Amino acid sequence: MRTDYHVHMHETGDFSTEYLKEYLAKAQEKGIEELGISEHAYFFNETKNIISNPWIDNRRGLDFKDYQALFDKAEDEGLSVKMGIEMDYTPGKEAEMKAFIESHPFDYVIGSVHWIGDWGIDLATFREEYEKRDIKEAYRQYFDQVVTLAESNLFDFVGHIDLIKIFSYWPDDKDFLYEQYDRAVKALAESGTCIEISTAGLRKPVGEIYPDPVLLKKCYEAGVGIVLCSDAHKPDHVGYEYDKSIELARWAGYEEVRIFSQRTSKSVPLD
């Protein structure tokens, strides 16, 4: 089955079913059978107690009821779409994240690491930080959060699990890098948290799918489930380079993907 659960609408449009239909039309064109919208949680006023910094606070201002209304209206109109959310995993805010998640009828919840403290690791405005920091320490801090994200058991899958490679900064020590992968994979496997294969990296400076093939292979060997996603921020991104994600999944050994409904997953044939 072809899925795309990592899709955003707010930055390029509105929460209307007319705009949603543009995404659904692109999904149909790409052979996507399960489409899910998973807006960034930080846009919503209801997440002020979870994550706050100047960059986020300048962009926050939506009320969750307007997001919920999109899915209610889509159901009324017979439009098939899953309701998700992408949350910035925030260490120490597990109780607040849990309360937010359980307050809404999500089909799935993505946990992502975008911040190390107040450093937005994937933002061009913060790119120079990579030149100032010890890269090994940055990777250690990043994967510390991936581990505790999985251990929290709050999320269905991890978004772009090795996002920290976005600007092509890598530790020179491969053994160290693989140690970070191994401890993340262990936490994922023990918690039953899945990962996404995301083609978004092909649109970024790194020019690579998330995750690194070595990390994906380790996930397969540990029994970690996968979801295929594009991290679309406009309709044209839906199903982006989908065949490359299928090729990578099969290379790693996967023959199945996970699909979600009401926070419950099941495995279905890959394609």
Protein backbone atom coordinates (compact mmCIF):
# COMPACT_ATOMS: atom_id res chain seq x y z
CA MET A 1 0.00 0.00 0.00
CA ARG A 2 1.17 3.51 -0.78
CA THR A 3 0.93 5.95 2.13
CA ASP A 4 1.86 9.55 2.81
CA TYR A 5 1.18 10.54 6.41
CA HIS A 6 3.60 13.45 6.77
CA VAL A 7 1.75 16.29 5.03
CA HIS A 8 1.35 19.95 6.03
CA MET A 9 -1.19 22.53 4.85
CA HIS A 10 -0.94 25.68 6.97
CA GLU A 11 2.22 27.27 5.56
CA THR A 12 0.92 27.43 1.98
CA GLY A 13 -2.84 27.49 2.42
CA ASP A 14 -5.70 27.15 4.85
CA PHE A 15 -7.62 24.44 6.64
CA SER A 16 -10.37 24.20 4.04
CA THR A 17 -11.66 21.12 2.29
CA GLU A 18 -11.18 22.92 -1.02
CA TYR A 19 -7.45 23.13 -0.36
CA LEU A 20 -7.45 19.59 1.02
CA LYS A 21 -8.88 18.39 -2.28
CA GLU A 22 -5.72 19.64 -4.02
CA TYR A 23 -3.68 17.31 -1.81
CA LEU A 24 -6.07 14.44 -2.38
CA ALA A 25 -5.93 14.97 -6.15
CA LYS A 26 -2.13 14.82 -6.09
CA ALA A 27 -2.27 11.72 -3.88
CA GLN A 28 -4.57 10.01 -6.38
CA GLU A 29 -2.22 10.98 -9.22
CA LYS A 30 0.70 9.42 -7.34
CA GLY A 31 -1.19 6.26 -6.40
CA ILE A 32 -1.27 7.19 -2.69
CA GLU A 33 -4.02 5.15 -1.05
CA GLU A 34 -3.71 6.58 2.48
CA LEU A 35 -3.18 10.31 2.93
CA GLY A 36 -2.75 11.88 6.34
CA ILE A 37 -2.48 15.54 7.32
CA SER A 38 -0.13 16.10 10.25
CA GLU A 39 0.25 19.80 10.92
CA HIS A 40 3.05 21.10 13.12
CA ALA A 41 1.74 21.20 16.67
CA TYR A 42 3.69 24.36 17.50
CA PHE A 43 1.31 26.43 15.35
CA PHE A 44 -1.48 25.87 17.86
CA ASN A 45 -2.07 28.06 20.90
CA GLU A 46 -2.78 24.92 22.90
CA THR A 47 0.92 23.95 22.80
CA LYS A 48 2.30 27.08 24.49
CA ASN A 49 2.99 25.07 27.63
CA ILE A 50 4.97 22.45 25.68
CA ILE A 51 7.45 24.37 23.54
CA SER A 52 8.23 28.07 23.35
CA ASN A 53 11.05 30.09 21.83
CA PRO A 54 11.15 33.30 19.77
CA TRP A 55 11.10 31.51 16.40
CA ILE A 56 8.11 29.35 17.30
CA ASP A 57 6.21 32.02 19.23
CA ASN A 58 6.38 34.29 16.18
CA ARG A 59 4.56 31.62 14.15
CA ARG A 60 2.05 30.35 16.69
CA GLY A 61 -1.51 31.62 16.60
CA LEU A 62 -3.89 28.89 15.41
CA ASP A 63 -6.70 27.40 17.46
CA PHE A 64 -6.95 23.64 17.35
CA LYS A 65 -10.72 23.77 16.83
CA ASP A 66 -10.11 25.08 13.30
CA TYR A 67 -7.87 22.10 12.54
CA GLN A 68 -10.41 19.67 13.96
CA ALA A 69 -13.11 21.33 11.84
CA LEU A 70 -11.16 20.41 8.70
CA PHE A 71 -11.44 16.71 9.46
CA ASP A 72 -15.05 16.96 10.60
CA LYS A 73 -16.00 18.67 7.35
CA ALA A 74 -13.92 16.22 5.31
CA GLU A 75 -15.84 13.35 6.89
CA ASP A 76 -19.14 15.07 6.12
CA GLU A 77 -18.06 15.44 2.49
CA GLY A 78 -16.90 11.84 2.20
CA LEU A 79 -13.22 12.73 1.80
CA SER A 80 -10.81 10.05 2.94
CA VAL A 81 -7.99 11.52 5.03
CA LYS A 82 -6.30 10.54 8.29
CA MET A 83 -5.89 13.03 11.14
CA GLY A 84 -2.36 13.35 12.45
CA ILE A 85 -0.08 15.82 14.17
CA GLU A 86 3.68 16.36 14.14
CA MET A 87 4.97 17.30 17.57
CA ASP A 88 8.35 18.69 18.45
CA TYR A 89 9.54 16.27 21.09
CA THR A 90 10.41 18.43 24.10
CA PRO A 91 12.41 16.74 26.87
CA GLY A 92 10.85 17.21 30.28
CA LYS A 93 7.42 18.03 28.84
CA GLU A 94 6.19 14.45 28.53
CA ALA A 95 3.16 15.02 30.77
CA GLU A 96 2.10 18.11 28.82
CA MET A 97 2.60 16.35 25.48
CA LYS A 98 0.60 13.37 26.70
CA ALA A 99 -2.27 15.62 27.81
CA PHE A 100 -2.35 17.39 24.45
CA ILE A 101 -2.22 14.17 22.44
CA GLU A 102 -4.93 12.46 24.47
CA SER A 103 -7.21 15.48 24.16
CA HIS A 104 -7.71 14.95 20.43
CA PRO A 105 -8.84 12.02 18.23
CA PHE A 106 -5.65 11.56 16.22
CA ASP A 107 -5.17 8.59 13.94
CA TYR A 108 -1.42 8.86 14.47
CA VAL A 109 1.14 11.15 16.11
CA ILE A 110 4.59 11.92 14.70
CA GLY A 111 7.39 12.77 17.10
CA SER A 112 10.24 14.80 15.64
CA VAL A 113 13.41 16.40 16.95
CA HIS A 114 13.91 19.86 15.44
CA TRP A 115 15.53 21.60 18.40
CA ILE A 116 18.57 21.12 20.60
CA GLY A 117 17.76 23.69 23.26
CA ASP A 118 17.04 26.89 21.32
CA TRP A 119 19.01 25.73 18.28
CA GLY A 120 16.71 24.92 15.36
CA ILE A 121 18.88 22.32 13.67
CA ASP A 122 17.07 22.33 10.32
CA LEU A 123 16.60 26.09 9.96
CA ALA A 124 18.80 27.96 7.50
CA THR A 125 18.98 30.92 9.91
CA PHE A 126 20.73 28.65 12.44
CA ARG A 127 22.99 26.82 9.96
CA GLU A 128 26.14 28.63 11.15
CA GLU A 129 25.74 26.88 14.50
CA TYR A 130 27.14 23.73 12.88
CA GLU A 131 30.41 25.60 12.37
CA LYS A 132 30.52 26.67 16.01
CA ARG A 133 29.66 23.37 17.68
CA ASP A 134 31.41 20.08 18.22
CA ILE A 135 29.64 17.86 15.69
CA LYS A 136 30.03 14.70 17.75
CA GLU A 137 28.47 16.40 20.74
CA ALA A 138 25.65 17.77 18.56
CA TYR A 139 24.91 14.27 17.26
CA ARG A 140 25.04 12.86 20.78
CA GLN A 141 22.57 15.46 22.01
CA TYR A 142 20.30 14.90 19.02
CA PHE A 143 20.18 11.12 19.43
CA ASP A 144 19.74 11.52 23.19
CA GLN A 145 16.38 13.05 22.27
CA VAL A 146 15.54 10.37 19.71
CA VAL A 147 16.09 7.76 22.43
CA THR A 148 13.93 9.48 25.04
CA LEU A 149 11.31 10.28 22.38
CA ALA A 150 10.95 6.55 21.75
CA GLU A 151 11.08 5.69 25.44
CA SER A 152 8.23 8.11 26.14
CA ASN A 153 5.80 5.83 24.24
CA LEU A 154 3.89 8.93 23.17
CA PHE A 155 4.44 8.70 19.44
CA ASP A 156 3.54 6.32 16.63
CA PHE A 157 6.56 7.06 14.49
CA VAL A 158 9.60 9.31 14.37
CA GLY A 159 9.82 11.96 11.68
CA HIS A 160 13.01 12.24 9.60
CA ILE A 161 14.97 10.33 12.23
CA ASP A 162 18.41 11.59 11.17
CA LEU A 163 17.38 15.18 10.41
CA ILE A 164 20.63 16.45 11.91
CA LYS A 165 22.41 15.51 8.67
CA ILE A 166 20.33 18.11 6.75
CA PHE A 167 23.28 20.43 6.00
CA SER A 168 25.75 17.56 5.42
CA TYR A 169 27.61 17.88 8.70
CA TRP A 170 28.72 14.43 9.84
CA PRO A 171 30.99 13.09 12.59
CA ASP A 172 34.29 11.87 11.11
CA ASP A 173 34.17 8.87 13.43
CA LYS A 174 31.87 6.27 11.82
CA ASP A 175 32.01 4.04 14.87
CA PHE A 176 30.67 6.89 16.96
CA LEU A 177 27.92 7.57 14.42
CA TYR A 178 26.85 3.93 14.35
CA GLU A 179 26.79 3.87 18.15
CA GLN A 180 24.21 6.67 17.99
CA TYR A 181 22.21 4.67 15.47
CA ASP A 182 22.38 1.55 17.62
CA ARG A 183 21.08 3.16 20.77
CA ALA A 184 18.25 4.83 18.84
CA VAL A 185 17.29 1.54 17.19
CA LYS A 186 17.30 -0.26 20.53
CA ALA A 187 14.89 2.30 22.00
CA LEU A 188 12.65 2.16 18.93
CA ALA A 189 12.48 -1.62 18.96
CA GLU A 190 11.82 -1.87 22.68
CA SER A 191 9.04 0.74 22.57
CA GLY A 192 7.46 -0.41 19.32
CA THR A 193 7.91 3.03 17.79
CA CYS A 194 8.11 3.11 13.99
CA ILE A 195 10.12 5.40 11.73
CA GLU A 196 9.33 7.07 8.45
CA ILE A 197 11.28 6.78 5.24
CA SER A 198 11.09 10.41 4.17
CA THR A 199 11.95 11.69 0.72
CA ALA A 200 12.05 15.25 2.08
CA GLY A 201 15.82 14.96 2.42
CA LEU A 202 16.06 14.82 -1.37
CA ARG A 203 14.70 18.39 -1.42
CA LYS A 204 17.17 19.57 1.23
CA PRO A 205 20.90 20.47 1.04
CA VAL A 206 21.94 16.95 2.06
CA GLY A 207 20.21 15.50 -1.01
CA GLU A 208 19.51 12.16 0.70
CA ILE A 209 16.46 10.30 1.93
CA TYR A 210 15.94 10.08 5.69
CA PRO A 211 17.18 7.78 7.16
CA ASP A 212 20.72 6.90 6.14
CA PRO A 213 20.68 3.40 4.57
CA VAL A 214 22.88 2.02 7.37
CA LEU A 215 20.40 3.25 9.98
CA LEU A 216 17.45 1.88 8.01
CA LYS A 217 19.10 -1.53 7.72
CA LYS A 218 19.66 -1.59 11.47
CA CYS A 219 15.99 -0.73 11.98
CA TYR A 220 14.92 -3.59 9.74
CA GLU A 221 17.15 -6.07 11.54
CA ALA A 222 15.67 -4.96 14.88
CA GLY A 223 12.07 -5.28 13.68
CA VAL A 224 11.28 -1.55 13.64
CA GLY A 225 8.27 -0.78 11.45
CA ILE A 226 8.23 1.82 8.68
CA VAL A 227 5.89 4.36 7.11
CA LEU A 228 6.56 6.04 3.75
CA CYS A 229 6.23 9.84 3.74
CA SER A 230 7.09 12.96 1.78
CA ASP A 231 6.94 15.69 4.48
CA ALA A 232 4.88 17.66 1.95
CA HIS A 233 4.44 21.37 2.51
CA LYS A 234 2.37 21.91 -0.62
CA PRO A 235 0.27 19.65 -2.86
CA ASP A 236 3.06 19.09 -5.40
CA HIS A 237 5.22 17.47 -2.70
CA VAL A 238 2.76 14.65 -2.02
CA GLY A 239 4.28 11.32 -3.01
CA TYR A 240 7.54 13.06 -3.92
CA GLU A 241 10.11 10.58 -5.34
CA TYR A 242 8.00 7.77 -3.90
CA ASP A 243 9.64 5.05 -5.98
CA LYS A 244 13.02 5.88 -4.42
CA SER A 245 11.62 5.31 -0.94
CA ILE A 246 10.18 1.95 -2.01
CA GLU A 247 13.52 0.99 -3.54
CA LEU A 248 15.37 1.88 -0.33
CA ALA A 249 12.84 0.02 1.82
CA ARG A 250 13.18 -3.12 -0.26
CA TRP A 251 16.98 -2.81 -0.24
CA ALA A 252 16.89 -2.83 3.56
CA GLY A 253 14.66 -5.92 3.55
CA TYR A 254 11.20 -4.44 4.17
CA GLU A 255 8.16 -5.99 2.51
CA GLU A 256 5.52 -4.30 4.67
CA VAL A 257 4.57 -0.81 5.84
CA ARG A 258 2.39 0.32 8.73
CA ILE A 259 -0.94 2.06 8.38
CA PHE A 260 -2.71 3.84 11.23
CA SER A 261 -6.24 4.46 12.42
CA GLN A 262 -7.21 5.83 15.83
CA ARG A 263 -3.66 5.30 17.17
CA THR A 264 -3.67 1.62 16.18
CA SER A 265 -1.40 0.27 13.46
CA LYS A 266 -1.33 -2.78 11.27
CA SER A 267 1.13 -4.05 8.67
CA VAL A 268 0.21 -4.22 5.00
CA PRO A 269 2.23 -5.18 1.90
CA LEU A 270 4.69 -2.49 0.87
CA ASP A 271 3.46 -1.85 -2.66
